[in-house]
Amino acid sequence: MTRIAGFSSPLLLGFDELERMLDRVSKSTSDGYPPYNIERIKAAGGSPETLCITLAVAGFAEEDLDITIEQNQLTVRGRQNDEPEREFLHRGIAARQFQRSFVLAEGIEVSGATLSNGLLAISLVRLQPERVVRKISISSKE
């Protein structure tokens, strides 16, 4: 991994994971398929911020899709099986596999996913962290 210049400062301690995350994002493949939207849903009052990732997955059934989260990386995979008993005279809609990944910030949780009319909607909630102030006691070595 190449060190990012901004992270080489001695004042930035413990940001190795952030550097790895940026490296992972820069290496992710993005061929543009499937197309997707990311939208912020207006929160009412003091409710947590809600986001929605919508992927266009026309032709995929629920059992063809897989959504996983590992180390703050949300991965959506799609795999369609060819049906050998079908004979195509023209095939313009390919049975295509895909993998689309999104890196989630700390505190963002997946609250659910729905598939409707060829659109896979993944709902995310940004939980507000509790602000904790700790007093550090100082001891002398006498």
N, C-alpha and C. Protein backbone atom coordinates (compact mmCIF):
# COMPACT_ATOMS: atom_id res chain seq x y z
N MET A 1 0.85 -1.18 0.00
CA MET A 1 0.00 0.00 0.00
C MET A 1 0.89 1.24 0.00
N THR A 2 0.58 2.20 -0.84
CA THR A 2 1.31 3.44 -0.91
C THR A 2 0.79 4.37 0.16
N ARG A 3 1.70 4.99 0.89
CA ARG A 3 1.29 5.91 1.95
C ARG A 3 0.73 7.18 1.34
N ILE A 4 -0.41 7.62 1.83
CA ILE A 4 -1.01 8.87 1.39
C ILE A 4 -0.32 9.98 2.17
N ALA A 5 0.11 11.02 1.46
CA ALA A 5 0.94 12.07 2.07
C ALA A 5 0.31 12.68 3.31
N GLY A 6 -0.99 12.94 3.30
CA GLY A 6 -1.65 13.56 4.45
C GLY A 6 -1.64 12.71 5.70
N PHE A 7 -1.51 11.39 5.55
CA PHE A 7 -1.55 10.49 6.70
C PHE A 7 -0.17 10.22 7.28
N SER A 8 0.88 10.81 6.70
CA SER A 8 2.21 10.58 7.22
C SER A 8 2.57 11.55 8.35
N SER A 9 1.67 12.46 8.67
CA SER A 9 1.92 13.42 9.74
C SER A 9 1.96 12.71 11.08
N PRO A 10 2.93 13.07 11.96
CA PRO A 10 2.98 12.45 13.29
C PRO A 10 1.81 12.85 14.19
N LEU A 11 1.03 13.84 13.79
CA LEU A 11 -0.11 14.27 14.59
C LEU A 11 -1.35 13.42 14.33
N LEU A 12 -1.34 12.62 13.28
CA LEU A 12 -2.47 11.76 12.95
C LEU A 12 -2.15 10.34 13.40
N LEU A 13 -2.52 10.03 14.62
CA LEU A 13 -2.22 8.72 15.20
C LEU A 13 -3.44 7.81 15.09
N GLY A 14 -3.22 6.60 14.64
CA GLY A 14 -4.29 5.61 14.59
C GLY A 14 -5.24 5.73 13.42
N PHE A 15 -4.85 6.42 12.36
CA PHE A 15 -5.73 6.57 11.20
C PHE A 15 -5.39 5.56 10.10
N ASP A 16 -4.74 4.46 10.48
CA ASP A 16 -4.37 3.43 9.50
C ASP A 16 -5.60 2.84 8.82
N GLU A 17 -6.66 2.64 9.58
CA GLU A 17 -7.89 2.06 9.01
C GLU A 17 -8.50 2.99 7.97
N LEU A 18 -8.47 4.29 8.23
CA LEU A 18 -9.00 5.26 7.27
C LEU A 18 -8.17 5.24 5.99
N GLU A 19 -6.87 5.12 6.13
CA GLU A 19 -5.99 5.04 4.96
C GLU A 19 -6.28 3.77 4.16
N ARG A 20 -6.50 2.65 4.85
CA ARG A 20 -6.84 1.40 4.15
C ARG A 20 -8.18 1.53 3.43
N MET A 21 -9.13 2.23 4.07
CA MET A 21 -10.44 2.40 3.47
C MET A 21 -10.34 3.24 2.19
N LEU A 22 -9.56 4.31 2.21
CA LEU A 22 -9.38 5.12 1.01
C LEU A 22 -8.70 4.33 -0.09
N ASP A 23 -7.75 3.48 0.28
CA ASP A 23 -7.07 2.63 -0.69
C ASP A 23 -8.06 1.64 -1.31
N ARG A 24 -8.95 1.07 -0.48
CA ARG A 24 -9.95 0.12 -0.96
C ARG A 24 -10.94 0.78 -1.92
N VAL A 25 -11.35 2.01 -1.62
CA VAL A 25 -12.27 2.73 -2.49
C VAL A 25 -11.62 3.04 -3.82
N SER A 26 -10.35 3.43 -3.80
CA SER A 26 -9.68 3.79 -5.06
C SER A 26 -9.48 2.57 -5.95
N LYS A 27 -9.40 1.37 -5.38
CA LYS A 27 -9.19 0.16 -6.17
C LYS A 27 -10.48 -0.52 -6.60
N SER A 28 -11.62 -0.07 -6.08
CA SER A 28 -12.88 -0.75 -6.41
C SER A 28 -13.20 -0.56 -7.89
N THR A 29 -13.74 -1.61 -8.46
CA THR A 29 -14.09 -1.55 -9.88
C THR A 29 -15.44 -0.88 -10.03
N SER A 30 -15.52 0.00 -10.96
CA SER A 30 -16.80 0.65 -11.21
C SER A 30 -17.02 0.71 -12.71
N ASP A 31 -17.64 -0.33 -13.24
CA ASP A 31 -17.92 -0.38 -14.66
C ASP A 31 -19.26 0.28 -14.99
N GLY A 32 -19.93 0.82 -13.98
CA GLY A 32 -21.19 1.50 -14.22
C GLY A 32 -22.42 0.61 -14.16
N TYR A 33 -22.21 -0.68 -13.90
CA TYR A 33 -23.36 -1.59 -13.85
C TYR A 33 -23.43 -2.25 -12.49
N PRO A 34 -24.55 -2.30 -11.86
CA PRO A 34 -25.79 -1.66 -12.26
C PRO A 34 -25.79 -0.18 -11.88
N PRO A 35 -26.56 0.62 -12.59
CA PRO A 35 -26.66 2.03 -12.21
C PRO A 35 -27.34 2.15 -10.84
N TYR A 36 -27.00 3.21 -10.13
CA TYR A 36 -27.56 3.38 -8.79
C TYR A 36 -27.76 4.86 -8.47
N ASN A 37 -28.61 5.10 -7.48
CA ASN A 37 -28.83 6.43 -6.91
C ASN A 37 -28.54 6.34 -5.42
N ILE A 38 -28.07 7.44 -4.86
CA ILE A 38 -27.94 7.57 -3.41
C ILE A 38 -28.68 8.85 -3.04
N GLU A 39 -29.65 8.72 -2.14
CA GLU A 39 -30.41 9.90 -1.76
C GLU A 39 -30.49 10.05 -0.24
N ARG A 40 -30.55 11.30 0.17
CA ARG A 40 -30.75 11.62 1.58
C ARG A 40 -32.23 11.88 1.78
N ILE A 41 -32.80 11.24 2.77
CA ILE A 41 -34.22 11.41 3.06
C ILE A 41 -34.34 12.37 4.23
N LYS A 42 -35.14 13.39 4.04
CA LYS A 42 -35.27 14.44 5.06
C LYS A 42 -35.76 13.85 6.37
N ALA A 43 -35.05 14.16 7.43
CA ALA A 43 -35.42 13.67 8.77
C ALA A 43 -36.35 14.67 9.43
N ALA A 44 -37.32 14.15 10.15
CA ALA A 44 -38.27 14.99 10.86
C ALA A 44 -37.80 15.18 12.30
N GLY A 45 -37.70 16.43 12.71
CA GLY A 45 -37.34 16.72 14.10
C GLY A 45 -35.99 16.17 14.48
N GLY A 46 -35.94 15.39 15.56
CA GLY A 46 -34.69 14.84 16.05
C GLY A 46 -34.40 13.43 15.59
N SER A 47 -35.13 12.95 14.58
CA SER A 47 -34.91 11.57 14.12
C SER A 47 -33.58 11.48 13.39
N PRO A 48 -32.97 10.29 13.39
CA PRO A 48 -31.67 10.14 12.75
C PRO A 48 -31.75 10.32 11.24
N GLU A 49 -30.61 10.72 10.65
CA GLU A 49 -30.52 10.91 9.21
C GLU A 49 -30.70 9.57 8.50
N THR A 50 -31.46 9.56 7.41
CA THR A 50 -31.71 8.34 6.65
C THR A 50 -31.20 8.52 5.23
N LEU A 51 -30.53 7.50 4.73
CA LEU A 51 -30.03 7.48 3.36
C LEU A 51 -30.64 6.28 2.66
N CYS A 52 -30.70 6.33 1.33
CA CYS A 52 -31.22 5.21 0.57
C CYS A 52 -30.36 5.01 -0.68
N ILE A 53 -29.85 3.80 -0.84
CA ILE A 53 -29.12 3.42 -2.06
C ILE A 53 -30.11 2.61 -2.89
N THR A 54 -30.35 3.04 -4.13
CA THR A 54 -31.26 2.32 -5.02
C THR A 54 -30.48 1.85 -6.23
N LEU A 55 -30.50 0.54 -6.46
CA LEU A 55 -29.82 -0.05 -7.61
C LEU A 55 -30.85 -0.56 -8.61
N ALA A 56 -30.61 -0.33 -9.90
CA ALA A 56 -31.48 -0.83 -10.96
C ALA A 56 -31.06 -2.25 -11.30
N VAL A 57 -31.83 -3.24 -10.84
CA VAL A 57 -31.47 -4.65 -11.00
C VAL A 57 -32.59 -5.39 -11.75
N ALA A 58 -33.03 -4.82 -12.86
CA ALA A 58 -34.10 -5.44 -13.64
C ALA A 58 -33.70 -6.84 -14.06
N GLY A 59 -34.62 -7.77 -13.92
CA GLY A 59 -34.37 -9.16 -14.31
C GLY A 59 -33.83 -10.03 -13.20
N PHE A 60 -33.45 -9.43 -12.08
CA PHE A 60 -32.93 -10.20 -10.94
C PHE A 60 -34.06 -10.45 -9.95
N ALA A 61 -34.15 -11.69 -9.50
CA ALA A 61 -35.11 -12.04 -8.45
C ALA A 61 -34.43 -11.91 -7.09
N GLU A 62 -35.21 -11.94 -6.05
CA GLU A 62 -34.67 -11.81 -4.69
C GLU A 62 -33.59 -12.85 -4.41
N GLU A 63 -33.79 -14.08 -4.88
CA GLU A 63 -32.80 -15.14 -4.62
C GLU A 63 -31.54 -15.00 -5.46
N ASP A 64 -31.54 -14.10 -6.46
CA ASP A 64 -30.35 -13.84 -7.28
C ASP A 64 -29.44 -12.79 -6.67
N LEU A 65 -29.91 -12.12 -5.62
CA LEU A 65 -29.19 -11.00 -5.02
C LEU A 65 -28.67 -11.37 -3.63
N ASP A 66 -27.52 -10.80 -3.30
CA ASP A 66 -26.90 -11.04 -2.00
C ASP A 66 -26.34 -9.72 -1.49
N ILE A 67 -26.70 -9.35 -0.27
CA ILE A 67 -26.22 -8.10 0.35
C ILE A 67 -25.45 -8.47 1.60
N THR A 68 -24.19 -8.03 1.70
CA THR A 68 -23.37 -8.32 2.88
C THR A 68 -22.68 -7.05 3.36
N ILE A 69 -22.31 -7.06 4.65
CA ILE A 69 -21.50 -5.98 5.22
C ILE A 69 -20.31 -6.63 5.91
N GLU A 70 -19.12 -6.16 5.57
CA GLU A 70 -17.91 -6.64 6.22
C GLU A 70 -16.97 -5.45 6.39
N GLN A 71 -16.59 -5.17 7.61
CA GLN A 71 -15.70 -4.07 7.95
C GLN A 71 -16.14 -2.76 7.29
N ASN A 72 -17.39 -2.38 7.53
CA ASN A 72 -17.98 -1.13 7.02
C ASN A 72 -18.06 -1.06 5.50
N GLN A 73 -17.93 -2.19 4.83
CA GLN A 73 -18.09 -2.21 3.37
C GLN A 73 -19.37 -2.98 3.03
N LEU A 74 -20.31 -2.26 2.42
CA LEU A 74 -21.57 -2.85 1.97
C LEU A 74 -21.35 -3.36 0.55
N THR A 75 -21.62 -4.65 0.34
CA THR A 75 -21.42 -5.25 -0.98
C THR A 75 -22.72 -5.87 -1.45
N VAL A 76 -23.10 -5.53 -2.67
CA VAL A 76 -24.29 -6.09 -3.30
C VAL A 76 -23.81 -6.92 -4.48
N ARG A 77 -24.21 -8.19 -4.50
CA ARG A 77 -23.84 -9.09 -5.59
C ARG A 77 -25.09 -9.60 -6.26
N GLY A 78 -25.02 -9.73 -7.57
CA GLY A 78 -26.12 -10.29 -8.34
C GLY A 78 -25.61 -11.39 -9.25
N ARG A 79 -26.33 -12.50 -9.27
CA ARG A 79 -25.94 -13.63 -10.10
C ARG A 79 -27.20 -14.26 -10.67
N GLN A 80 -27.32 -14.24 -11.98
CA GLN A 80 -28.45 -14.86 -12.66
C GLN A 80 -27.98 -16.18 -13.26
N ASN A 81 -28.84 -17.17 -13.22
CA ASN A 81 -28.53 -18.46 -13.81
C ASN A 81 -29.14 -18.56 -15.20
N ASP A 82 -28.34 -19.05 -16.12
CA ASP A 82 -28.87 -19.30 -17.47
C ASP A 82 -29.83 -20.47 -17.43
N GLU A 83 -30.88 -20.36 -18.17
CA GLU A 83 -31.85 -21.45 -18.27
C GLU A 83 -31.57 -22.19 -19.58
N PRO A 84 -30.95 -23.37 -19.51
CA PRO A 84 -30.53 -24.06 -20.74
C PRO A 84 -31.70 -24.51 -21.63
N GLU A 85 -32.90 -24.64 -21.07
CA GLU A 85 -34.02 -25.11 -21.88
C GLU A 85 -34.60 -24.00 -22.77
N ARG A 86 -34.14 -22.76 -22.58
CA ARG A 86 -34.65 -21.65 -23.39
C ARG A 86 -33.76 -21.48 -24.63
N GLU A 87 -34.40 -21.28 -25.78
CA GLU A 87 -33.68 -21.05 -27.02
C GLU A 87 -33.96 -19.62 -27.47
N PHE A 88 -32.92 -18.81 -27.54
CA PHE A 88 -33.06 -17.41 -27.91
C PHE A 88 -32.81 -17.23 -29.40
N LEU A 89 -33.68 -16.52 -30.07
CA LEU A 89 -33.44 -16.12 -31.46
C LEU A 89 -32.61 -14.85 -31.49
N HIS A 90 -32.80 -14.02 -30.50
CA HIS A 90 -31.97 -12.82 -30.29
C HIS A 90 -31.84 -12.64 -28.79
N ARG A 91 -30.63 -12.38 -28.34
CA ARG A 91 -30.43 -12.18 -26.90
C ARG A 91 -29.79 -10.82 -26.66
N GLY A 92 -30.62 -9.86 -26.31
CA GLY A 92 -30.14 -8.52 -26.02
C GLY A 92 -30.05 -8.25 -24.53
N ILE A 93 -30.70 -9.11 -23.74
CA ILE A 93 -30.67 -8.98 -22.27
C ILE A 93 -29.82 -10.14 -21.75
N ALA A 94 -28.61 -9.84 -21.38
CA ALA A 94 -27.69 -10.89 -20.93
C ALA A 94 -27.93 -11.24 -19.47
N ALA A 95 -27.70 -12.50 -19.14
CA ALA A 95 -27.70 -12.93 -17.74
C ALA A 95 -26.33 -12.52 -17.21
N ARG A 96 -26.29 -11.41 -16.53
CA ARG A 96 -25.04 -10.77 -16.16
C ARG A 96 -24.83 -10.81 -14.66
N GLN A 97 -23.60 -11.02 -14.24
CA GLN A 97 -23.26 -10.97 -12.82
C GLN A 97 -22.71 -9.58 -12.52
N PHE A 98 -22.86 -9.16 -11.26
CA PHE A 98 -22.28 -7.88 -10.87
C PHE A 98 -21.91 -7.92 -9.40
N GLN A 99 -21.05 -6.98 -9.04
CA GLN A 99 -20.72 -6.74 -7.64
C GLN A 99 -20.51 -5.24 -7.51
N ARG A 100 -21.25 -4.62 -6.60
CA ARG A 100 -21.14 -3.19 -6.36
C ARG A 100 -20.87 -3.00 -4.87
N SER A 101 -19.83 -2.22 -4.53
CA SER A 101 -19.46 -2.02 -3.13
C SER A 101 -19.54 -0.55 -2.75
N PHE A 102 -19.93 -0.32 -1.50
CA PHE A 102 -20.01 1.02 -0.93
C PHE A 102 -19.32 0.97 0.43
N VAL A 103 -18.46 1.93 0.72
CA VAL A 103 -17.82 2.00 2.04
C VAL A 103 -18.69 2.90 2.91
N LEU A 104 -19.11 2.37 4.06
CA LEU A 104 -19.98 3.10 4.97
C LEU A 104 -19.15 3.74 6.09
N ALA A 105 -19.53 4.93 6.48
CA ALA A 105 -18.87 5.61 7.58
C ALA A 105 -19.26 4.94 8.90
N GLU A 106 -18.46 5.18 9.93
CA GLU A 106 -18.79 4.69 11.26
C GLU A 106 -20.14 5.26 11.67
N GLY A 107 -20.96 4.44 12.28
CA GLY A 107 -22.25 4.89 12.77
C GLY A 107 -23.38 4.75 11.77
N ILE A 108 -23.10 4.30 10.55
CA ILE A 108 -24.17 4.07 9.58
C ILE A 108 -24.55 2.61 9.63
N GLU A 109 -25.84 2.35 9.82
CA GLU A 109 -26.37 1.00 9.93
C GLU A 109 -27.35 0.75 8.79
N VAL A 110 -27.37 -0.48 8.28
CA VAL A 110 -28.36 -0.86 7.28
C VAL A 110 -29.64 -1.22 8.02
N SER A 111 -30.75 -0.56 7.67
CA SER A 111 -32.00 -0.83 8.37
C SER A 111 -32.91 -1.77 7.59
N GLY A 112 -32.61 -2.01 6.32
CA GLY A 112 -33.43 -2.94 5.55
C GLY A 112 -33.20 -2.80 4.06
N ALA A 113 -33.78 -3.73 3.30
CA ALA A 113 -33.68 -3.70 1.84
C ALA A 113 -34.98 -4.23 1.26
N THR A 114 -35.41 -3.61 0.16
CA THR A 114 -36.62 -4.05 -0.53
C THR A 114 -36.35 -4.14 -2.03
N LEU A 115 -37.02 -5.07 -2.69
CA LEU A 115 -36.93 -5.23 -4.14
C LEU A 115 -38.32 -5.04 -4.72
N SER A 116 -38.46 -4.02 -5.58
CA SER A 116 -39.77 -3.73 -6.16
C SER A 116 -39.58 -3.14 -7.55
N ASN A 117 -40.27 -3.72 -8.52
CA ASN A 117 -40.25 -3.22 -9.89
C ASN A 117 -38.83 -3.09 -10.46
N GLY A 118 -37.96 -4.03 -10.13
CA GLY A 118 -36.61 -4.03 -10.66
C GLY A 118 -35.66 -3.07 -9.97
N LEU A 119 -36.09 -2.48 -8.86
CA LEU A 119 -35.24 -1.57 -8.10
C LEU A 119 -34.99 -2.15 -6.71
N LEU A 120 -33.72 -2.28 -6.36
CA LEU A 120 -33.33 -2.74 -5.03
C LEU A 120 -33.01 -1.51 -4.19
N ALA A 121 -33.79 -1.28 -3.15
CA ALA A 121 -33.60 -0.12 -2.27
C ALA A 121 -33.04 -0.58 -0.94
N ILE A 122 -31.88 -0.04 -0.57
CA ILE A 122 -31.22 -0.38 0.69
C ILE A 122 -31.29 0.86 1.57
N SER A 123 -31.96 0.73 2.71
CA SER A 123 -32.14 1.86 3.63
C SER A 123 -31.01 1.87 4.66
N LEU A 124 -30.46 3.04 4.88
CA LEU A 124 -29.37 3.23 5.84
C LEU A 124 -29.76 4.30 6.84
N VAL A 125 -29.32 4.13 8.07
CA VAL A 125 -29.59 5.11 9.12
C VAL A 125 -28.27 5.52 9.74
N ARG A 126 -28.08 6.84 9.87
CA ARG A 126 -26.88 7.35 10.55
C ARG A 126 -27.25 7.63 12.00
N LEU A 127 -26.73 6.79 12.89
CA LEU A 127 -27.01 6.96 14.31
C LEU A 127 -26.13 8.06 14.87
N GLN A 128 -26.70 8.88 15.75
CA GLN A 128 -25.94 9.96 16.36
C GLN A 128 -25.14 9.40 17.53
N PRO A 129 -23.82 9.50 17.48
CA PRO A 129 -23.01 8.97 18.58
C PRO A 129 -23.18 9.82 19.83
N GLU A 130 -23.07 9.16 20.97
CA GLU A 130 -23.12 9.89 22.22
C GLU A 130 -21.79 10.60 22.43
N ARG A 131 -21.88 11.83 22.85
CA ARG A 131 -20.66 12.59 23.11
C ARG A 131 -20.25 12.34 24.56
N VAL A 132 -19.08 11.75 24.70
CA VAL A 132 -18.59 11.41 26.03
C VAL A 132 -17.31 12.20 26.29
N VAL A 133 -17.30 12.88 27.42
CA VAL A 133 -16.10 13.60 27.85
C VAL A 133 -15.53 12.86 29.03
N ARG A 134 -14.27 12.45 28.92
CA ARG A 134 -13.61 11.73 30.02
C ARG A 134 -12.51 12.60 30.60
N LYS A 135 -12.44 12.60 31.89
CA LYS A 135 -11.36 13.31 32.58
C LYS A 135 -10.24 12.33 32.83
N ILE A 136 -9.05 12.67 32.44
CA ILE A 136 -7.87 11.84 32.63
C ILE A 136 -7.14 12.34 33.85
N SER A 137 -6.97 11.46 34.81
CA SER A 137 -6.26 11.86 36.03
C SER A 137 -4.75 11.79 35.79
N ILE A 138 -4.06 12.70 36.45
CA ILE A 138 -2.61 12.79 36.32
C ILE A 138 -2.00 12.29 37.63
N SER A 139 -1.09 11.35 37.50
CA SER A 139 -0.42 10.86 38.70
C SER A 139 1.06 11.21 38.62
N SER A 140 1.65 11.47 39.79
CA SER A 140 3.07 11.81 39.81
C SER A 140 3.88 10.55 40.10
N LYS A 141 5.10 10.53 39.72
CA LYS A 141 5.96 9.35 39.89
C LYS A 141 6.84 9.49 41.14
N GLU A 142 6.40 10.13 42.14
CA GLU A 142 7.22 10.30 43.37
C GLU A 142 7.10 9.15 44.30
